[in-house]
Amino acid sequence: MSTFPSFNGSECEEDDVEYNKMCDKHKHLLETLPKGGGWMEQHLYNYNGFWLNEMFLKANLLVHTYFKSEPTDIVLASFMKSGTTWLKALMFSTLNRDRYSFSNHYLHNNSPQSTIPFLEAVSYPMTDFTTFSTPRLFATHFARTLLPACMTSCKFVYVCRDPKDVLVSKWHFISKLRSKDLPPLSFDEAFELFCLGVSEFGPFWEHVLSYWRASLESPDKILFLRYEELKKQPEVVVRKLADFMGKPITMEEEKNGVVGEIINLCSFENLSNLEVNKKGVDKFGKLLEVEKKGFFRKGEIGDWKNYLSEEMKDRIDGITEQKFQGSGLIGFSE
């Protein structure tokens, strides 16, 4: 199994012409792109319609410069705090179910974050992708239109979630990562920025639509999932994942309750109670460390009711209705 590569562009050789060109472009973009209020850092930069902080902007340039996709690659794509950790565990366990027993599984001693590397956190060009087993699994928070054209041959699993729950979860998550040199970001400030589309990898709605439209054009290449669907019918989604990734659940596995085993192993309750996920940090290269327990807050549907006023709810629902109008994508309601 491949280990989680690190994001560290500084490892590149000084005479790496491509890397130096990329660094020059990065510097130029930071000086010229429109700026917005950052959640994690002071500024976000609007790059090709989406808001990225300085680190993720550089990561995107690195992906375009060095990443070489394979047609067999499977990429988990999502907006931040839409169920990524859960999907990482489910995809890894479903695809590798013949490699580990459920009584002694890899996830018992390792964080879900270690199972599938983020494209944003890979060490370019140092990582040897030839060591990855096929199909290679990757994850990304980049919108579809920010990815290299070569990746259109890959398969994508996209998971989306009610933006009201995304906002609440993201605010809690990023508040812990926010630079200590900046004042705390209040929920009201986060709400306003989110509605304006100004948040890491946002706007949320354009992010979702970038994958939704691609899924309509290439349904065999993009499996579009909803977090709420996964919560309500996990068995259905696991079978979809297995089929989509080219490893359908067999009749024998159905008899042996393999689908239920995968769901139980990867459940919020089980993962959040494992010792490996209660302490320590997940390292996303040398630039970002996140406490493992930070990936397991609530995982509930409708937690937004504890934070949003009726007026706030109506505003986000109104934006969702307006943005999704004519797309064929149904909004989020209970």
Protein backbone atom coordinates (compact mmCIF):
# COMPACT_ATOMS: atom_id res chain seq x y z
CA MET A 1 0.00 0.00 0.00
CA SER A 2 1.27 3.45 -0.84
CA THR A 3 2.08 5.75 2.04
CA PHE A 4 0.92 9.34 2.27
CA PRO A 5 3.39 11.49 0.28
CA SER A 6 4.29 14.91 1.61
CA PHE A 7 3.84 18.36 0.16
CA ASN A 8 7.22 20.03 0.09
CA GLY A 9 8.11 21.88 -3.08
CA SER A 10 11.34 23.11 -1.49
CA GLU A 11 12.80 19.62 -1.96
CA CYS A 12 13.16 20.34 -5.66
CA GLU A 13 16.63 20.97 -6.96
CA GLU A 14 17.56 24.60 -7.46
CA ASP A 15 18.43 23.90 -11.09
CA ASP A 16 15.01 22.39 -11.78
CA VAL A 17 13.94 24.70 -14.59
CA GLU A 18 10.29 23.66 -14.47
CA TYR A 19 10.09 24.21 -10.74
CA ASN A 20 11.71 27.65 -10.96
CA LYS A 21 9.31 28.67 -13.70
CA MET A 22 6.42 27.51 -11.56
CA CYS A 23 7.71 29.48 -8.56
CA ASP A 24 7.94 32.61 -10.69
CA LYS A 25 4.36 32.10 -11.86
CA HIS A 26 3.23 31.56 -8.27
CA LYS A 27 4.88 34.79 -7.15
CA HIS A 28 3.34 36.70 -10.06
CA LEU A 29 -0.13 35.34 -9.29
CA LEU A 30 0.12 36.34 -5.63
CA GLU A 31 0.92 39.88 -6.75
CA THR A 32 -1.83 40.16 -9.38
CA LEU A 33 -4.82 37.95 -8.49
CA PRO A 34 -7.91 39.42 -6.78
CA LYS A 35 -7.77 38.93 -3.00
CA GLY A 36 -10.46 38.01 -0.51
CA GLY A 37 -10.64 37.43 3.21
CA GLY A 38 -9.03 34.16 4.22
CA TRP A 39 -10.27 31.62 6.73
CA MET A 40 -7.00 29.87 7.50
CA GLU A 41 -4.67 32.65 6.41
CA GLN A 42 -5.06 36.38 5.88
CA HIS A 43 -5.84 36.19 2.17
CA LEU A 44 -7.46 33.98 -0.42
CA TYR A 45 -6.74 34.44 -4.11
CA ASN A 46 -9.28 34.11 -6.90
CA TYR A 47 -7.68 31.77 -9.42
CA ASN A 48 -9.74 30.83 -12.48
CA GLY A 49 -12.95 31.47 -10.59
CA PHE A 50 -12.08 29.67 -7.35
CA TRP A 51 -10.59 30.88 -4.06
CA LEU A 52 -7.31 29.32 -2.93
CA ASN A 53 -4.87 30.30 -0.21
CA GLU A 54 -1.19 30.73 -0.99
CA MET A 55 -0.34 27.11 -0.18
CA PHE A 56 -3.12 25.56 -2.26
CA LEU A 57 -2.45 27.89 -5.16
CA LYS A 58 1.12 26.61 -5.27
CA ALA A 59 -0.15 23.05 -4.93
CA ASN A 60 -2.37 23.53 -7.97
CA LEU A 61 0.55 24.76 -10.04
CA LEU A 62 2.59 21.75 -8.87
CA VAL A 63 -0.17 19.36 -9.92
CA HIS A 64 -0.30 20.92 -13.38
CA THR A 65 3.48 20.88 -13.72
CA TYR A 66 4.30 17.40 -12.48
CA PHE A 67 1.31 15.11 -12.04
CA LYS A 68 0.87 12.48 -14.75
CA SER A 69 -2.44 10.68 -14.51
CA GLU A 70 -3.21 7.12 -15.55
CA PRO A 71 -6.55 6.05 -17.06
CA THR A 72 -6.94 3.57 -14.19
CA ASP A 73 -6.63 6.27 -11.50
CA ILE A 74 -9.62 6.77 -9.20
CA VAL A 75 -9.95 10.20 -7.59
CA LEU A 76 -12.11 11.10 -4.61
CA ALA A 77 -13.18 14.71 -5.10
CA SER A 78 -15.06 16.87 -2.62
CA PHE A 79 -15.50 20.33 -1.21
CA MET A 80 -13.92 20.61 2.23
CA LYS A 81 -15.99 19.03 5.04
CA SER A 82 -18.36 17.12 2.80
CA GLY A 83 -17.55 13.62 4.02
CA THR A 84 -14.04 13.15 2.64
CA THR A 85 -12.65 11.20 5.60
CA TRP A 86 -15.57 8.77 5.55
CA LEU A 87 -15.29 8.25 1.79
CA LYS A 88 -11.55 7.67 2.05
CA ALA A 89 -12.16 4.87 4.53
CA LEU A 90 -15.02 3.38 2.50
CA MET A 91 -13.22 3.48 -0.85
CA PHE A 92 -9.99 2.07 0.57
CA SER A 93 -11.76 -0.71 2.46
CA THR A 94 -14.01 -1.63 -0.44
CA LEU A 95 -11.20 -1.76 -2.97
CA ASN A 96 -8.80 -3.61 -0.65
CA ARG A 97 -11.28 -5.93 1.04
CA ASP A 98 -9.32 -9.03 -0.01
CA ARG A 99 -6.08 -7.69 1.51
CA TYR A 100 -7.19 -7.23 5.11
CA SER A 101 -9.38 -9.16 7.51
CA PHE A 102 -11.99 -7.10 9.32
CA SER A 103 -10.68 -8.35 12.64
CA ASN A 104 -7.18 -7.06 11.92
CA HIS A 105 -7.68 -4.22 9.48
CA TYR A 106 -5.28 -1.49 8.37
CA LEU A 107 -7.72 1.12 9.68
CA HIS A 108 -7.49 -0.26 13.20
CA ASN A 109 -4.00 1.20 13.50
CA ASN A 110 -3.89 3.92 10.85
CA SER A 111 -5.80 7.12 10.17
CA PRO A 112 -8.17 7.20 7.17
CA GLN A 113 -6.11 10.14 5.92
CA SER A 114 -3.18 7.77 5.33
CA THR A 115 -5.15 5.60 2.91
CA ILE A 116 -5.55 8.02 0.00
CA PRO A 117 -3.12 10.91 -0.62
CA PHE A 118 -4.38 14.36 -1.51
CA LEU A 119 -3.07 15.61 -4.85
CA GLU A 120 -2.60 18.92 -3.04
CA ALA A 121 -0.22 17.32 -0.53
CA VAL A 122 1.99 15.21 -2.79
CA SER A 123 5.69 16.05 -2.90
CA TYR A 124 6.35 17.06 -6.49
CA PRO A 125 8.43 15.95 -8.32
CA MET A 126 9.92 13.75 -5.58
CA THR A 127 7.15 11.17 -5.21
CA ASP A 128 7.63 7.99 -7.21
CA PHE A 129 4.10 7.24 -8.41
CA THR A 130 5.27 3.98 -9.99
CA THR A 131 5.30 2.49 -6.48
CA PHE A 132 1.54 2.98 -6.16
CA SER A 133 -0.55 -0.13 -6.73
CA THR A 134 -3.12 -0.09 -9.54
CA PRO A 135 -5.68 1.39 -9.50
CA ARG A 136 -4.02 4.36 -7.83
CA LEU A 137 -6.28 6.23 -5.43
CA PHE A 138 -6.02 9.99 -4.97
CA ALA A 139 -8.15 12.67 -3.32
CA THR A 140 -8.60 16.36 -4.07
CA HIS A 141 -10.55 19.42 -2.98
CA PHE A 142 -9.89 21.21 -6.29
CA ALA A 143 -12.87 21.98 -8.51
CA ARG A 144 -13.06 19.93 -11.68
CA THR A 145 -12.05 22.88 -13.85
CA LEU A 146 -8.85 23.44 -11.82
CA LEU A 147 -7.50 19.96 -12.59
CA PRO A 148 -5.15 19.13 -15.49
CA ALA A 149 -6.84 18.15 -18.74
CA CYS A 150 -5.08 14.77 -18.67
CA MET A 151 -7.25 13.77 -15.70
CA THR A 152 -10.41 13.58 -17.79
CA SER A 153 -9.46 9.96 -18.43
CA CYS A 154 -9.57 9.15 -14.69
CA LYS A 155 -12.57 7.96 -12.74
CA PHE A 156 -13.95 10.32 -10.08
CA VAL A 157 -16.06 9.73 -7.01
CA TYR A 158 -17.58 13.06 -5.98
CA VAL A 159 -19.40 13.58 -2.70
CA CYS A 160 -21.42 16.70 -1.91
CA ARG A 161 -23.25 17.78 1.22
CA ASP A 162 -25.84 20.33 2.31
CA PRO A 163 -23.94 23.66 2.21
CA LYS A 164 -25.44 24.68 5.55
CA ASP A 165 -23.77 21.70 7.25
CA VAL A 166 -20.60 22.26 5.21
CA LEU A 167 -20.39 25.84 6.47
CA VAL A 168 -20.74 24.85 10.13
CA SER A 169 -18.29 21.96 9.88
CA LYS A 170 -15.76 24.00 7.92
CA TRP A 171 -15.88 26.89 10.36
CA HIS A 172 -15.19 24.57 13.29
CA PHE A 173 -12.41 22.80 11.40
CA ILE A 174 -10.58 25.81 10.01
CA SER A 175 -10.89 27.83 13.21
CA LYS A 176 -8.41 25.38 14.72
CA LEU A 177 -6.03 25.82 11.77
CA ARG A 178 -6.31 29.59 11.50
CA SER A 179 -3.04 31.46 11.88
CA LYS A 180 -2.44 32.56 15.46
CA ASP A 181 -1.29 35.91 14.04
CA LEU A 182 -4.88 36.64 13.00
CA PRO A 183 -7.92 37.38 15.17
CA PRO A 184 -10.45 34.52 15.45
CA LEU A 185 -12.95 34.20 12.60
CA SER A 186 -16.45 34.63 13.99
CA PHE A 187 -19.28 32.46 12.70
CA ASP A 188 -21.07 35.53 11.34
CA GLU A 189 -17.95 36.50 9.38
CA ALA A 190 -17.57 32.94 8.07
CA PHE A 191 -21.24 32.88 7.06
CA GLU A 192 -20.92 36.11 5.07
CA LEU A 193 -17.75 34.98 3.32
CA PHE A 194 -19.27 31.57 2.52
CA CYS A 195 -22.37 33.15 0.99
CA LEU A 196 -20.12 35.33 -1.17
CA GLY A 197 -18.28 32.19 -2.27
CA VAL A 198 -15.07 33.28 -0.55
CA SER A 199 -13.70 30.22 1.25
CA GLU A 200 -10.95 27.71 0.56
CA PHE A 201 -11.74 25.95 -2.77
CA GLY A 202 -15.01 27.91 -3.08
CA PRO A 203 -17.47 29.04 -4.21
CA PHE A 204 -19.21 25.90 -2.89
CA TRP A 205 -21.94 25.94 -5.54
CA GLU A 206 -19.62 26.31 -8.51
CA HIS A 207 -17.46 23.53 -7.06
CA VAL A 208 -20.42 21.13 -6.91
CA LEU A 209 -21.64 22.13 -10.37
CA SER A 210 -18.21 21.56 -11.92
CA TYR A 211 -18.47 17.86 -11.07
CA TRP A 212 -22.22 17.57 -11.56
CA ARG A 213 -22.01 18.82 -15.15
CA ALA A 214 -19.07 16.54 -15.84
CA SER A 215 -21.05 13.59 -14.42
CA LEU A 216 -23.87 14.31 -16.87
CA GLU A 217 -21.41 14.34 -19.77
CA SER A 218 -19.50 11.23 -18.61
CA PRO A 219 -21.60 9.17 -16.16
CA ASP A 220 -19.23 6.24 -16.60
CA LYS A 221 -16.36 8.42 -15.36
CA ILE A 222 -17.94 10.28 -12.44
CA LEU A 223 -19.96 8.76 -9.61
CA PHE A 224 -21.85 11.66 -8.02
CA LEU A 225 -22.85 10.99 -4.41
CA ARG A 226 -24.61 12.87 -1.65
CA TYR A 227 -23.48 12.70 1.96
CA GLU A 228 -27.09 12.51 3.08
CA GLU A 229 -27.71 9.51 0.81
CA LEU A 230 -24.68 7.81 2.30
CA LYS A 231 -25.97 8.38 5.83
CA LYS A 232 -29.42 7.01 5.04
CA GLN A 233 -28.51 4.12 2.72
CA PRO A 234 -24.85 3.19 3.25
CA GLU A 235 -25.33 -0.34 1.86
CA VAL A 236 -26.57 1.03 -1.46
CA VAL A 237 -23.65 3.45 -1.73
CA VAL A 238 -21.00 0.81 -0.87
CA ARG A 239 -22.34 -1.43 -3.63
CA LYS A 240 -22.24 1.54 -6.04
CA LEU A 241 -18.65 2.25 -5.04
CA ALA A 242 -17.64 -1.38 -5.53
CA ASP A 243 -19.23 -1.50 -9.00
CA PHE A 244 -17.79 1.86 -10.03
CA MET A 245 -14.26 0.98 -8.90
CA GLY A 246 -14.36 -2.23 -10.91
CA LYS A 247 -14.63 -4.64 -7.97
CA PRO A 248 -18.30 -5.56 -7.54
CA ILE A 249 -19.52 -7.28 -4.40
CA THR A 250 -19.86 -10.99 -5.20
CA MET A 251 -22.77 -13.22 -4.22
CA GLU A 252 -20.47 -15.02 -1.80
CA GLU A 253 -19.50 -11.72 -0.18
CA GLU A 254 -23.16 -10.76 0.09
CA LYS A 255 -23.86 -14.03 1.92
CA ASN A 256 -20.94 -13.39 4.25
CA GLY A 257 -22.13 -9.88 5.13
CA VAL A 258 -19.09 -8.11 3.68
CA VAL A 259 -21.03 -4.91 2.90
CA GLY A 260 -22.14 -4.64 6.52
CA GLU A 261 -18.59 -5.31 7.72
CA ILE A 262 -17.26 -2.45 5.58
CA ILE A 263 -19.95 -0.08 6.83
CA ASN A 264 -19.34 -0.98 10.47
CA LEU A 265 -15.57 -0.66 10.12
CA CYS A 266 -15.83 2.77 8.50
CA SER A 267 -18.67 4.15 10.60
CA PHE A 268 -18.21 7.45 12.41
CA GLU A 269 -18.79 5.70 15.71
CA ASN A 270 -16.11 3.08 15.10
CA LEU A 271 -13.45 5.29 13.53
CA SER A 272 -13.84 8.12 16.05
CA ASN A 273 -13.47 5.67 18.95
CA LEU A 274 -10.27 4.03 17.68
CA GLU A 275 -7.21 5.08 19.68
CA VAL A 276 -5.29 5.89 16.49
CA ASN A 277 -7.82 8.65 15.69
CA LYS A 278 -7.97 10.14 19.20
CA LYS A 279 -4.42 11.44 19.47
CA GLY A 280 -1.59 12.67 17.31
CA VAL A 281 -1.72 14.57 14.04
CA ASP A 282 -2.10 13.88 10.37
CA LYS A 283 0.66 15.62 8.43
CA PHE A 284 -0.15 17.10 5.06
CA GLY A 285 3.41 17.72 4.05
CA LYS A 286 5.52 20.12 6.07
CA LEU A 287 3.09 23.00 5.75
CA LEU A 288 0.03 21.66 7.51
CA GLU A 289 -0.68 19.46 10.52
CA VAL A 290 -4.17 18.61 11.70
CA GLU A 291 -5.11 16.86 14.93
CA LYS A 292 -6.57 13.48 14.02
CA LYS A 293 -9.55 13.98 16.30
CA GLY A 294 -10.33 17.15 14.33
CA PHE A 295 -11.63 14.98 11.48
CA PHE A 296 -14.29 13.50 13.76
CA ARG A 297 -16.57 16.18 15.18
CA LYS A 298 -20.20 15.08 14.69
CA GLY A 299 -20.83 13.82 11.16
CA GLU A 300 -24.55 14.55 11.53
CA ILE A 301 -27.17 15.72 9.08
CA GLY A 302 -28.80 19.01 10.12
CA ASP A 303 -26.27 20.24 12.68
CA TRP A 304 -26.68 23.64 11.01
CA LYS A 305 -29.93 24.07 12.98
CA ASN A 306 -27.80 24.70 16.06
CA TYR A 307 -26.00 27.64 14.41
CA LEU A 308 -28.07 29.26 11.65
CA SER A 309 -30.98 31.61 12.20
CA GLU A 310 -34.05 31.25 9.97
CA GLU A 311 -32.82 34.24 7.98
CA MET A 312 -29.39 32.64 7.48
CA LYS A 313 -30.99 29.35 6.41
CA ASP A 314 -33.21 31.12 3.89
CA ARG A 315 -30.27 33.02 2.44
CA ILE A 316 -28.18 29.91 1.80
CA ASP A 317 -31.17 27.95 0.51
CA GLY A 318 -31.96 30.84 -1.81
CA ILE A 319 -28.43 30.93 -3.19
CA THR A 320 -28.52 27.15 -3.69
CA GLU A 321 -31.81 27.35 -5.58
CA GLN A 322 -30.54 30.17 -7.76
CA LYS A 323 -27.17 28.54 -8.51
CA PHE A 324 -28.59 25.09 -9.27
CA GLN A 325 -31.51 26.37 -11.34
CA GLY A 326 -31.60 24.72 -14.77
CA SER A 327 -28.76 22.31 -13.94
CA GLY A 328 -30.98 19.33 -13.13
CA LEU A 329 -29.33 19.14 -9.72
CA ILE A 330 -31.83 19.11 -6.88
CA GLY A 331 -31.04 21.23 -3.84
CA PHE A 332 -30.67 20.07 -0.25
CA SER A 333 -33.73 19.70 1.90
CA GLU A 334 -34.95 17.40 4.66
